[in-house]
C-alpha atoms as a PDB file:
ATOM      1  CA  UNK A   1     -17.045  11.367  15.063  1.00  0.00           C
ATOM      2  CA  UNK A   2     -19.227  13.789  12.854  1.00  0.00           C
ATOM      3  CA  UNK A   3     -21.207  12.492   9.907  1.00  0.00           C
ATOM      4  CA  UNK A   4     -18.539  14.291   7.334  1.00  0.00           C
ATOM      5  CA  UNK A   5     -15.317  12.653   9.191  1.00  0.00           C
ATOM      6  CA  UNK A   6     -17.392   9.413   9.153  1.00  0.00           C
ATOM      7  CA  UNK A   7     -17.939   9.654   5.749  1.00  0.00           C
ATOM      8  CA  UNK A   8     -14.531   9.916   4.728  1.00  0.00           C
ATOM      9  CA  UNK A   9     -13.188   7.130   6.935  1.00  0.00           C
ATOM     10  CA  UNK A  10     -15.510   5.232   5.782  1.00  0.00           C
ATOM     11  CA  UNK A  11     -14.469   6.211   1.848  1.00  0.00           C
ATOM     12  CA  UNK A  12     -10.896   5.375   3.012  1.00  0.00           C
ATOM     13  CA  UNK A  13     -11.188   1.787   4.445  1.00  0.00           C
ATOM     14  CA  UNK A  14     -13.575   0.954   1.616  1.00  0.00           C
ATOM     15  CA  UNK A  15     -11.301   1.724  -0.919  1.00  0.00           C
ATOM     16  CA  UNK A  16      -8.185  -0.015   1.265  1.00  0.00           C
ATOM     17  CA  UNK A  17     -10.526  -3.000   1.362  1.00  0.00           C
ATOM     18  CA  UNK A  18     -11.198  -3.074  -2.275  1.00  0.00           C
ATOM     19  CA  UNK A  19      -7.732  -2.838  -3.196  1.00  0.00           C
ATOM     20  CA  UNK A  20      -6.482  -5.482  -0.890  1.00  0.00           C
ATOM     21  CA  UNK A  21      -9.591  -7.700  -2.211  1.00  0.00           C
ATOM     22  CA  UNK A  22      -8.554  -6.942  -5.698  1.00  0.00           C
ATOM     23  CA  UNK A  23      -4.812  -7.439  -4.841  1.00  0.00           C
ATOM     24  CA  UNK A  24      -4.319 -10.747  -2.889  1.00  0.00           C
ATOM     25  CA  UNK A  25      -0.725 -10.885  -3.058  1.00  0.00           C
ATOM     26  CA  UNK A  26      -0.463  -7.783  -1.071  1.00  0.00           C
ATOM     27  CA  UNK A  27      -1.973  -9.055   1.829  1.00  0.00           C
ATOM     28  CA  UNK A  28      -0.166 -12.130   1.154  1.00  0.00           C
ATOM     29  CA  UNK A  29       3.266 -10.305   1.531  1.00  0.00           C
ATOM     30  CA  UNK A  30       1.666  -8.634   4.968  1.00  0.00           C
ATOM     31  CA  UNK A  31       1.293 -11.691   6.487  1.00  0.00           C
ATOM     32  CA  UNK A  32       4.991 -13.158   5.389  1.00  0.00           C
ATOM     33  CA  UNK A  33       6.495 -13.847   8.365  1.00  0.00           C
ATOM     34  CA  UNK A  34       9.907 -13.954   6.432  1.00  0.00           C
ATOM     35  CA  UNK A  35       9.490 -10.118   5.601  1.00  0.00           C
ATOM     36  CA  UNK A  36      11.364  -7.798   7.574  1.00  0.00           C
ATOM     37  CA  UNK A  37       8.872  -5.311   9.486  1.00  0.00           C
ATOM     38  CA  UNK A  38      10.563  -2.037   7.657  1.00  0.00           C
ATOM     39  CA  UNK A  39       9.435  -3.775   3.975  1.00  0.00           C
ATOM     40  CA  UNK A  40       6.203  -4.084   5.307  1.00  0.00           C
ATOM     41  CA  UNK A  41       5.812  -0.554   6.764  1.00  0.00           C
ATOM     42  CA  UNK A  42       7.215   0.669   3.582  1.00  0.00           C
ATOM     43  CA  UNK A  43       4.632  -1.787   1.443  1.00  0.00           C
ATOM     44  CA  UNK A  44       1.634   0.129   3.924  1.00  0.00           C
ATOM     45  CA  UNK A  45       2.639   3.593   2.752  1.00  0.00           C
ATOM     46  CA  UNK A  46       2.571   2.573  -0.934  1.00  0.00           C
ATOM     47  CA  UNK A  47      -0.695   0.655  -0.107  1.00  0.00           C
ATOM     48  CA  UNK A  48      -2.520   3.779   1.402  1.00  0.00           C
ATOM     49  CA  UNK A  49      -1.089   6.169  -1.264  1.00  0.00           C
ATOM     50  CA  UNK A  50      -2.389   3.498  -3.957  1.00  0.00           C
ATOM     51  CA  UNK A  51      -5.651   3.420  -2.442  1.00  0.00           C
ATOM     52  CA  UNK A  52      -5.815   7.554  -1.695  1.00  0.00           C
ATOM     53  CA  UNK A  53      -6.314   7.208   1.711  1.00  0.00           C
ATOM     54  CA  UNK A  54      -6.212  10.892   3.209  1.00  0.00           C
ATOM     55  CA  UNK A  55      -7.818  10.774   6.797  1.00  0.00           C
ATOM     56  CA  UNK A  56      -5.310  10.727   9.504  1.00  0.00           C
ATOM     57  CA  UNK A  57      -7.666   8.459  11.328  1.00  0.00           C
ATOM     58  CA  UNK A  58      -7.206   5.438   9.322  1.00  0.00           C
ATOM     59  CA  UNK A  59      -3.622   6.173   8.322  1.00  0.00           C
ATOM     60  CA  UNK A  60      -2.991   5.676  12.333  1.00  0.00           C
ATOM     61  CA  UNK A  61      -4.759   3.075  12.839  1.00  0.00           C
ATOM     62  CA  UNK A  62      -2.512   1.077  10.049  1.00  0.00           C
ATOM     63  CA  UNK A  63       0.291   2.548  11.705  1.00  0.00           C
ATOM     64  CA  UNK A  64      -0.869   1.307  15.080  1.00  0.00           C
ATOM     65  CA  UNK A  65      -1.120  -2.234  13.368  1.00  0.00           C
ATOM     66  CA  UNK A  66       2.214  -2.210  11.995  1.00  0.00           C
ATOM     67  CA  UNK A  67       3.872  -0.894  15.324  1.00  0.00           C
ATOM     68  CA  UNK A  68       2.352  -3.914  16.863  1.00  0.00           C
ATOM     69  CA  UNK A  69       3.256  -6.346  14.136  1.00  0.00           C
ATOM     70  CA  UNK A  70      -0.426  -7.270  13.451  1.00  0.00           C
ATOM     71  CA  UNK A  71      -0.456  -6.229   9.970  1.00  0.00           C
ATOM     72  CA  UNK A  72      -1.508  -9.826   8.997  1.00  0.00           C
ATOM     73  CA  UNK A  73      -4.916  -8.747  10.383  1.00  0.00           C
ATOM     74  CA  UNK A  74      -5.504  -5.861   8.226  1.00  0.00           C
ATOM     75  CA  UNK A  75      -8.151  -7.294   6.409  1.00  0.00           C
ATOM     76  CA  UNK A  76     -10.082  -8.701   9.863  1.00  0.00           C
ATOM     77  CA  UNK A  77      -9.495  -5.262  11.313  1.00  0.00           C
ATOM     78  CA  UNK A  78     -10.540  -3.220   8.195  1.00  0.00           C
ATOM     79  CA  UNK A  79     -14.236  -5.170   7.999  1.00  0.00           C
ATOM     80  CA  UNK A  80     -14.753  -5.124  11.758  1.00  0.00           C
ATOM     81  CA  UNK A  81     -14.316  -1.396  11.361  1.00  0.00           C
ATOM     82  CA  UNK A  82     -16.810  -1.222   8.229  1.00  0.00           C
ATOM     83  CA  UNK A  83     -19.161  -2.997  10.512  1.00  0.00           C
ATOM     84  CA  UNK A  84     -18.978  -0.624  13.096  1.00  0.00           C
ATOM     85  CA  UNK A  85     -19.278   2.423  10.543  1.00  0.00           C
ATOM     86  CA  UNK A  86     -22.222   0.709   9.500  1.00  0.00           C
ATOM     87  CA  UNK A  87     -23.559   0.533  13.324  1.00  0.00           C
ATOM     88  CA  UNK A  88     -22.856   4.197  13.743  1.00  0.00           C
ATOM     89  CA  UNK A  89     -25.165   4.822  10.682  1.00  0.00           C
ATOM     90  CA  UNK A  90     -28.216   2.422  11.372  1.00  0.00           C
ATOM     91  CA  UNK A  91     -27.389  -0.380   9.115  1.00  0.00           C
ATOM     92  CA  UNK A  92     -25.865  -3.548   8.777  1.00  0.00           C
ATOM     93  CA  UNK A  93     -23.408  -5.029   6.536  1.00  0.00           C
ATOM     94  CA  UNK A  94     -23.754  -8.413   4.592  1.00  0.00           C
ATOM     95  CA  UNK A  95     -21.115 -10.348   3.001  1.00  0.00           C
ATOM     96  CA  UNK A  96     -22.342 -11.615  -0.455  1.00  0.00           C
ATOM     97  CA  UNK A  97     -19.694 -14.491  -1.948  1.00  0.00           C
ATOM     98  CA  UNK A  98     -20.819 -15.801  -5.789  1.00  0.00           C
ATOM     99  CA  UNK A  99     -19.031 -17.646  -8.133  1.00  0.00           C
ATOM    100  CA  UNK A 100     -19.510 -14.733 -10.362  1.00  0.00           C
ATOM    101  CA  UNK A 101     -20.371 -11.323  -9.889  1.00  0.00           C
ATOM    102  CA  UNK A 102     -24.116 -10.460  -9.691  1.00  0.00           C
ATOM    103  CA  UNK A 103     -25.843  -7.621 -11.374  1.00  0.00           C
ATOM    104  CA  UNK A 104     -26.818  -4.502  -9.834  1.00  0.00           C
ATOM    105  CA  UNK A 105     -30.398  -5.773 -10.432  1.00  0.00           C
ATOM    106  CA  UNK A 106     -29.671  -9.189  -8.597  1.00  0.00           C
ATOM    107  CA  UNK A 107     -27.929  -7.222  -5.853  1.00  0.00           C
ATOM    108  CA  UNK A 108     -30.689  -4.643  -5.022  1.00  0.00           C
ATOM    109  CA  UNK A 109     -33.294  -7.552  -5.252  1.00  0.00           C
ATOM    110  CA  UNK A 110     -31.157  -9.395  -2.700  1.00  0.00           C
ATOM    111  CA  UNK A 111     -30.728  -6.415  -0.426  1.00  0.00           C
ATOM    112  CA  UNK A 112     -34.412  -6.008  -0.518  1.00  0.00           C
ATOM    113  CA  UNK A 113     -35.154  -9.609   0.429  1.00  0.00           C
ATOM    114  CA  UNK A 114     -32.541  -9.632   3.510  1.00  0.00           C
ATOM    115  CA  UNK A 115     -34.065  -6.718   4.784  1.00  0.00           C
ATOM    116  CA  UNK A 116     -37.680  -7.589   4.472  1.00  0.00           C
ATOM    117  CA  UNK A 117     -36.442 -10.853   6.119  1.00  0.00           C
ATOM    118  CA  UNK A 118     -34.318  -9.928   9.117  1.00  0.00           C
ATOM    119  CA  UNK A 119     -35.628  -6.295   9.954  1.00  0.00           C
ATOM    120  CA  UNK A 120     -39.878  -6.661   8.952  1.00  0.00           C
ATOM    121  CA  UNK A 121     -40.490  -4.725  11.885  1.00  0.00           C
ATOM    122  CA  UNK A 122     -37.879  -1.762  10.571  1.00  0.00           C
ATOM    123  CA  UNK A 123     -38.616  -0.234   7.441  1.00  0.00           C
ATOM    124  CA  UNK A 124     -35.738   2.174   7.835  1.00  0.00           C
ATOM    125  CA  UNK A 125     -33.128  -0.624   8.217  1.00  0.00           C
ATOM    126  CA  UNK A 126     -30.789  -0.986   5.505  1.00  0.00           C
ATOM    127  CA  UNK A 127     -28.638  -3.670   4.647  1.00  0.00           C
ATOM    128  CA  UNK A 128     -25.143  -2.789   2.740  1.00  0.00           C
ATOM    129  CA  UNK A 129     -23.919  -5.665   0.439  1.00  0.00           C
ATOM    130  CA  UNK A 130     -19.905  -6.169   0.477  1.00  0.00           C
ATOM    131  CA  UNK A 131     -19.435  -8.588  -2.620  1.00  0.00           C
ATOM    132  CA  UNK A 132     -16.978 -11.448  -3.078  1.00  0.00           C
ATOM    133  CA  UNK A 133     -15.913 -14.173  -5.416  1.00  0.00           C
ATOM    134  CA  UNK A 134     -15.723 -17.450  -4.641  1.00  0.00           C
ATOM    135  CA  UNK A 135     -15.448 -19.524  -8.152  1.00  0.00           C
ATOM    136  CA  UNK A 136     -14.999 -22.476  -5.810  1.00  0.00           C
ATOM    137  CA  UNK A 137     -18.864 -22.286  -5.263  1.00  0.00           C
ATOM    138  CA  UNK A 138     -19.782 -23.441  -8.842  1.00  0.00           C
ATOM    139  CA  UNK A 139     -23.156 -21.496  -8.848  1.00  0.00           C
ATOM    140  CA  UNK A 140     -25.383 -19.556  -6.540  1.00  0.00           C
ATOM    141  CA  UNK A 141     -23.924 -17.583  -3.104  1.00  0.00           C
ATOM    142  CA  UNK A 142     -23.200 -17.160   0.451  1.00  0.00           C
ATOM    143  CA  UNK A 143     -24.614 -14.366   2.944  1.00  0.00           C
ATOM    144  CA  UNK A 144     -23.361 -13.805   6.046  1.00  0.00           C
ATOM    145  CA  UNK A 145     -25.079 -11.516   8.296  1.00  0.00           C
ATOM    146  CA  UNK A 146     -24.033 -11.177  11.305  1.00  0.00           C
ATOM    147  CA  UNK A 147     -24.024 -14.282  13.175  1.00  0.00           C
ATOM    148  CA  UNK A 148     -26.350 -15.599  10.342  1.00  0.00           C
ATOM    149  CA  UNK A 149     -25.120 -17.538   7.313  1.00  0.00           C
ATOM    150  CA  UNK A 150     -27.214 -18.791   4.239  1.00  0.00           C
ATOM    151  CA  UNK A 151     -25.499 -21.101   1.950  1.00  0.00           C
ATOM    152  CA  UNK A 152     -27.558 -21.314  -1.193  1.00  0.00           C
ATOM    153  CA  UNK A 153     -24.392 -22.365  -3.236  1.00  0.00           C
ATOM    154  CA  UNK A 154     -24.243 -25.027  -5.860  1.00  0.00           C
ATOM    155  CA  UNK A 155     -21.351 -26.472  -4.552  1.00  0.00           C
ATOM    156  CA  UNK A 156     -23.144 -27.295  -0.939  1.00  0.00           C
ATOM    157  CA  UNK A 157     -25.785 -28.401  -3.043  1.00  0.00           C
ATOM    158  CA  UNK A 158     -23.467 -31.386  -4.898  1.00  0.00           C
ATOM    159  CA  UNK A 159     -21.951 -31.921  -1.157  1.00  0.00           C
ATOM    160  CA  UNK A 160     -25.631 -32.453  -0.180  1.00  0.00           C
ATOM    161  CA  UNK A 161     -26.642 -34.957  -2.789  1.00  0.00           C
ATOM    162  CA  UNK A 162     -23.171 -36.621  -2.731  1.00  0.00           C
ATOM    163  CA  UNK A 163     -23.515 -37.294   1.066  1.00  0.00           C
ATOM    164  CA  UNK A 164     -27.233 -38.547   0.842  1.00  0.00           C
ATOM    165  CA  UNK A 165     -25.734 -41.104  -2.020  1.00  0.00           C
ATOM    166  CA  UNK A 166     -23.034 -41.590   0.045  1.00  0.00           C
ATOM    167  CA  UNK A 167     -25.883 -43.067   2.864  1.00  0.00           C
ATOM    168  CA  UNK A 168     -27.830 -44.975   0.659  1.00  0.00           C
ATOM    169  CA  UNK A 169     -25.119 -47.339  -0.746  1.00  0.00           C
END
């Protein structure tokens, strides 16, 4: 795939992922086994139009998922596809989940620290951040970078303290 095509596919996949993240009911609908395949395919067409998907490649990929009754896995497929695109570009993706939206400054600092920690010998390495919100974390954040997971959330700290207190009692 040419660089320009890769950029277009990346843009479309990113738009779809964002739309699904912002509207969790769409994904619930696609997962619902009681909904007909025809209804799901109509919803898929509306989803593609709403996200502004223009590339034939992405449309065919989602048609293939629909034809094989795999629309319930659309988020996982899109996320995996984003990872492949990132690797093709020489970068890696980290999923950052926080209790509240992080500022651009916080994201830039986190990106810089992840690059330094995990790629110290590769100054050109790039870490792209995908952000998610989970209010259950109370505070702090988690980072998933490949097979590495860092939990710096207040929720896990409270759980750890609770477990320590339970052992002492």
